[in-house]
Amino acid sequence: MRSRRPRISFHGAAIFTDLGTDVRQPIARIEADPFIVRGDRVRGFVFDVATGRLCETL
């Protein structure tokens, strides 16, 4: 059986203008999810390709 690669479409792809906001928004959705235990810490990071640094988004 031959495996098929998924077709990747960049049509409608998101453009990240503010990386901090783009990370904080999904964090807020995850924290609001009723299946996430209250008190668990949800963290987000941005990887800077140019410097190789990983920065936590607060």
N, C-alpha and C. Protein backbone atom coordinates (compact mmCIF):
# COMPACT_ATOMS: atom_id res chain seq x y z
N MET A 1 0.84 -1.18 0.00
CA MET A 1 0.00 0.00 0.00
C MET A 1 0.89 1.24 0.00
N ARG A 2 0.64 2.10 -0.90
CA ARG A 2 1.45 3.31 -1.06
C ARG A 2 0.87 4.44 -0.20
N SER A 3 1.74 5.07 0.61
CA SER A 3 1.26 6.18 1.45
C SER A 3 1.16 7.44 0.60
N ARG A 4 0.19 8.26 0.93
CA ARG A 4 0.00 9.51 0.22
C ARG A 4 0.31 10.67 1.16
N ARG A 5 1.05 11.61 0.65
CA ARG A 5 1.35 12.80 1.43
C ARG A 5 0.13 13.72 1.42
N PRO A 6 -0.12 14.37 2.55
CA PRO A 6 -1.23 15.33 2.55
C PRO A 6 -0.90 16.52 1.66
N ARG A 7 -1.90 17.03 1.02
CA ARG A 7 -1.71 18.20 0.17
C ARG A 7 -1.70 19.44 1.05
N ILE A 8 -0.69 20.25 0.89
CA ILE A 8 -0.54 21.46 1.69
C ILE A 8 -0.99 22.66 0.86
N SER A 9 -1.87 23.44 1.44
CA SER A 9 -2.36 24.62 0.76
C SER A 9 -2.00 25.85 1.58
N PHE A 10 -1.42 26.83 0.95
CA PHE A 10 -1.08 28.07 1.63
C PHE A 10 -2.13 29.15 1.37
N HIS A 11 -3.17 28.79 0.65
CA HIS A 11 -4.26 29.73 0.39
C HIS A 11 -4.96 30.04 1.72
N GLY A 12 -5.02 31.29 2.07
CA GLY A 12 -5.65 31.67 3.33
C GLY A 12 -4.76 31.47 4.54
N ALA A 13 -3.46 31.28 4.31
CA ALA A 13 -2.54 31.08 5.42
C ALA A 13 -2.47 32.35 6.27
N ALA A 14 -2.28 32.14 7.55
CA ALA A 14 -2.22 33.27 8.48
C ALA A 14 -0.90 34.01 8.34
N ILE A 15 -0.96 35.30 8.47
CA ILE A 15 0.23 36.13 8.49
C ILE A 15 0.36 36.65 9.92
N PHE A 16 1.50 36.41 10.53
CA PHE A 16 1.70 36.79 11.92
C PHE A 16 2.31 38.19 11.97
N THR A 17 1.50 39.16 12.38
CA THR A 17 2.01 40.52 12.47
C THR A 17 2.49 40.84 13.87
N ASP A 18 1.91 40.20 14.88
CA ASP A 18 2.31 40.39 16.28
C ASP A 18 2.42 39.02 16.92
N LEU A 19 3.63 38.49 16.98
CA LEU A 19 3.82 37.12 17.45
C LEU A 19 3.33 36.91 18.87
N GLY A 20 3.55 37.89 19.75
CA GLY A 20 3.09 37.76 21.13
C GLY A 20 1.59 37.56 21.22
N THR A 21 0.84 38.37 20.49
CA THR A 21 -0.62 38.25 20.48
C THR A 21 -1.03 36.94 19.86
N ASP A 22 -0.36 36.53 18.80
CA ASP A 22 -0.71 35.29 18.11
C ASP A 22 -0.45 34.07 18.97
N VAL A 23 0.40 34.18 19.97
CA VAL A 23 0.63 33.08 20.91
C VAL A 23 -0.32 33.20 22.11
N ARG A 24 -0.56 34.41 22.59
CA ARG A 24 -1.42 34.60 23.77
C ARG A 24 -2.88 34.22 23.52
N GLN A 25 -3.39 34.46 22.31
CA GLN A 25 -4.78 34.14 22.02
C GLN A 25 -5.09 32.64 22.17
N PRO A 26 -4.31 31.74 21.58
CA PRO A 26 -4.60 30.32 21.79
C PRO A 26 -4.38 29.88 23.24
N ILE A 27 -3.43 30.52 23.93
CA ILE A 27 -3.22 30.20 25.34
C ILE A 27 -4.49 30.50 26.12
N ALA A 28 -5.10 31.65 25.85
CA ALA A 28 -6.34 32.03 26.54
C ALA A 28 -7.45 31.02 26.24
N ARG A 29 -7.54 30.55 24.99
CA ARG A 29 -8.56 29.55 24.64
C ARG A 29 -8.31 28.24 25.38
N ILE A 30 -7.05 27.84 25.48
CA ILE A 30 -6.72 26.60 26.18
C ILE A 30 -7.04 26.73 27.66
N GLU A 31 -6.67 27.85 28.25
CA GLU A 31 -6.93 28.06 29.68
C GLU A 31 -8.44 28.11 29.98
N ALA A 32 -9.24 28.55 29.02
CA ALA A 32 -10.69 28.63 29.22
C ALA A 32 -11.38 27.28 28.99
N ASP A 33 -10.67 26.32 28.44
CA ASP A 33 -11.25 25.01 28.16
C ASP A 33 -11.61 24.30 29.45
N PRO A 34 -12.84 23.80 29.59
CA PRO A 34 -13.25 23.14 30.84
C PRO A 34 -12.51 21.83 31.11
N PHE A 35 -11.85 21.26 30.12
CA PHE A 35 -11.14 20.01 30.33
C PHE A 35 -9.71 20.21 30.83
N ILE A 36 -9.25 21.45 30.87
CA ILE A 36 -7.93 21.76 31.41
C ILE A 36 -8.08 21.96 32.92
N VAL A 37 -7.28 21.26 33.68
CA VAL A 37 -7.34 21.35 35.13
C VAL A 37 -6.94 22.74 35.58
N ARG A 38 -7.76 23.34 36.41
CA ARG A 38 -7.44 24.68 36.93
C ARG A 38 -6.16 24.61 37.74
N GLY A 39 -5.34 25.59 37.56
CA GLY A 39 -4.06 25.62 38.27
C GLY A 39 -2.91 25.10 37.42
N ASP A 40 -3.22 24.36 36.34
CA ASP A 40 -2.15 23.94 35.44
C ASP A 40 -1.65 25.15 34.68
N ARG A 41 -0.37 25.23 34.49
CA ARG A 41 0.21 26.39 33.81
C ARG A 41 0.32 26.10 32.31
N VAL A 42 -0.22 26.99 31.52
CA VAL A 42 -0.12 26.89 30.07
C VAL A 42 0.86 27.95 29.62
N ARG A 43 1.85 27.55 28.85
CA ARG A 43 2.89 28.48 28.43
C ARG A 43 3.00 28.50 26.92
N GLY A 44 3.48 29.62 26.39
CA GLY A 44 3.67 29.75 24.96
C GLY A 44 5.04 30.34 24.66
N PHE A 45 5.58 29.97 23.53
CA PHE A 45 6.92 30.41 23.17
C PHE A 45 6.96 30.84 21.72
N VAL A 46 7.91 31.72 21.41
CA VAL A 46 8.18 32.14 20.04
C VAL A 46 9.64 31.80 19.76
N PHE A 47 9.87 31.10 18.65
CA PHE A 47 11.22 30.75 18.24
C PHE A 47 11.70 31.75 17.20
N ASP A 48 12.82 32.39 17.49
CA ASP A 48 13.42 33.35 16.56
C ASP A 48 14.41 32.61 15.67
N VAL A 49 14.03 32.44 14.42
CA VAL A 49 14.84 31.68 13.48
C VAL A 49 16.20 32.32 13.27
N ALA A 50 16.25 33.64 13.24
CA ALA A 50 17.50 34.35 12.96
C ALA A 50 18.54 34.15 14.06
N THR A 51 18.09 34.14 15.33
CA THR A 51 19.04 34.06 16.45
C THR A 51 19.08 32.67 17.10
N GLY A 52 18.05 31.86 16.84
CA GLY A 52 17.98 30.55 17.48
C GLY A 52 17.45 30.63 18.90
N ARG A 53 16.96 31.78 19.31
CA ARG A 53 16.46 31.96 20.69
C ARG A 53 14.99 31.55 20.79
N LEU A 54 14.66 30.98 21.93
CA LEU A 54 13.29 30.62 22.25
C LEU A 54 12.85 31.54 23.37
N CYS A 55 11.83 32.38 23.09
CA CYS A 55 11.39 33.37 24.06
C CYS A 55 9.99 33.03 24.55
N GLU A 56 9.82 32.99 25.87
CA GLU A 56 8.50 32.74 26.43
C GLU A 56 7.64 33.97 26.24
N THR A 57 6.39 33.76 25.87
CA THR A 57 5.44 34.84 25.70
C THR A 57 4.63 34.96 26.97
N LEU A 58 4.67 36.14 27.57
CA LEU A 58 3.95 36.37 28.82
C LEU A 58 2.66 37.10 28.59
